[in-house]
Amino acid sequence: MYYRHGPTMEWDTAAGQAIATSSGAKMTMPSGEPFLYNKVSLLNPGFLCKVK
């Protein structure tokens, strides 16, 4: 499991999420909600990346 507390931008996480997801990991908001892209603000809050 990897927990990122600090903010990132969408372009900082997109490639890493693609690799992690294709390897079987799941990336979510700390609340468990899906980690979304193409938001009004490109700033991401913290997130969790964990292997299923």
C-alpha atoms as a PDB file:
ATOM      1  CA  MET A   1       0.000   0.000   0.000  1.00  0.00           C
ATOM      2  CA  TYR A   2       1.186   3.515  -0.798  1.00  0.00           C
ATOM      3  CA  TYR A   3      -0.468   6.564   0.758  1.00  0.00           C
ATOM      4  CA  ARG A   4       0.221   9.994  -0.711  1.00  0.00           C
ATOM      5  CA  HIS A   5      -0.872  12.693   1.726  1.00  0.00           C
ATOM      6  CA  GLY A   6       0.271  15.776  -0.145  1.00  0.00           C
ATOM      7  CA  PRO A   7      -1.266  17.227  -3.276  1.00  0.00           C
ATOM      8  CA  THR A   8      -0.173  16.310  -6.799  1.00  0.00           C
ATOM      9  CA  MET A   9      -1.259  17.382 -10.247  1.00  0.00           C
ATOM     10  CA  GLU A  10      -3.101  15.060 -12.629  1.00  0.00           C
ATOM     11  CA  TRP A  11      -0.061  14.736 -14.908  1.00  0.00           C
ATOM     12  CA  ASP A  12       2.016  13.582 -11.914  1.00  0.00           C
ATOM     13  CA  THR A  13      -0.184  10.547 -11.288  1.00  0.00           C
ATOM     14  CA  ALA A  14      -1.629   9.470 -14.656  1.00  0.00           C
ATOM     15  CA  ALA A  15       1.240   7.300 -15.942  1.00  0.00           C
ATOM     16  CA  GLY A  16       1.902   5.756 -12.536  1.00  0.00           C
ATOM     17  CA  GLN A  17      -1.760   4.898 -12.124  1.00  0.00           C
ATOM     18  CA  ALA A  18      -1.862   3.308 -15.583  1.00  0.00           C
ATOM     19  CA  ILE A  19       1.104   1.084 -14.725  1.00  0.00           C
ATOM     20  CA  ALA A  20      -0.180   0.232 -11.236  1.00  0.00           C
ATOM     21  CA  THR A  21      -3.712  -0.509 -12.463  1.00  0.00           C
ATOM     22  CA  SER A  22      -2.495  -2.732 -15.288  1.00  0.00           C
ATOM     23  CA  SER A  23      -0.429  -4.624 -12.689  1.00  0.00           C
ATOM     24  CA  GLY A  24      -3.510  -5.289 -10.571  1.00  0.00           C
ATOM     25  CA  ALA A  25      -3.371  -2.400  -8.083  1.00  0.00           C
ATOM     26  CA  LYS A  26      -6.260  -0.096  -7.266  1.00  0.00           C
ATOM     27  CA  MET A  27      -5.943   3.658  -6.787  1.00  0.00           C
ATOM     28  CA  THR A  28      -8.562   5.525  -4.765  1.00  0.00           C
ATOM     29  CA  MET A  29      -9.104   8.671  -2.763  1.00  0.00           C
ATOM     30  CA  PRO A  30      -8.343   8.193   0.961  1.00  0.00           C
ATOM     31  CA  SER A  31     -12.123   7.970   1.519  1.00  0.00           C
ATOM     32  CA  GLY A  32     -12.332   4.972  -0.845  1.00  0.00           C
ATOM     33  CA  GLU A  33     -13.999   6.943  -3.635  1.00  0.00           C
ATOM     34  CA  PRO A  34     -12.611   6.468  -7.167  1.00  0.00           C
ATOM     35  CA  PHE A  35      -9.582   8.554  -8.116  1.00  0.00           C
ATOM     36  CA  LEU A  36     -10.870  10.788 -10.930  1.00  0.00           C
ATOM     37  CA  TYR A  37      -9.307  12.828 -13.730  1.00  0.00           C
ATOM     38  CA  ASN A  38     -10.494  15.748 -15.899  1.00  0.00           C
ATOM     39  CA  LYS A  39     -11.788  17.676 -12.921  1.00  0.00           C
ATOM     40  CA  VAL A  40     -12.343  21.445 -12.929  1.00  0.00           C
ATOM     41  CA  SER A  41      -9.139  21.763 -10.891  1.00  0.00           C
ATOM     42  CA  LEU A  42      -6.218  19.598 -12.037  1.00  0.00           C
ATOM     43  CA  LEU A  43      -4.938  19.460  -8.452  1.00  0.00           C
ATOM     44  CA  ASN A  44      -5.302  16.038  -6.820  1.00  0.00           C
ATOM     45  CA  PRO A  45      -5.697  15.606  -3.084  1.00  0.00           C
ATOM     46  CA  GLY A  46      -4.076  12.633  -1.366  1.00  0.00           C
ATOM     47  CA  PHE A  47      -4.638   9.091  -2.630  1.00  0.00           C
ATOM     48  CA  LEU A  48      -4.133   5.423  -1.815  1.00  0.00           C
ATOM     49  CA  CYS A  49      -2.609   2.886  -4.167  1.00  0.00           C
ATOM     50  CA  LYS A  50      -2.943  -0.707  -3.022  1.00  0.00           C
ATOM     51  CA  VAL A  51      -2.549  -4.170  -4.428  1.00  0.00           C
ATOM     52  CA  LYS A  52      -5.781  -6.125  -4.522  1.00  0.00           C
END
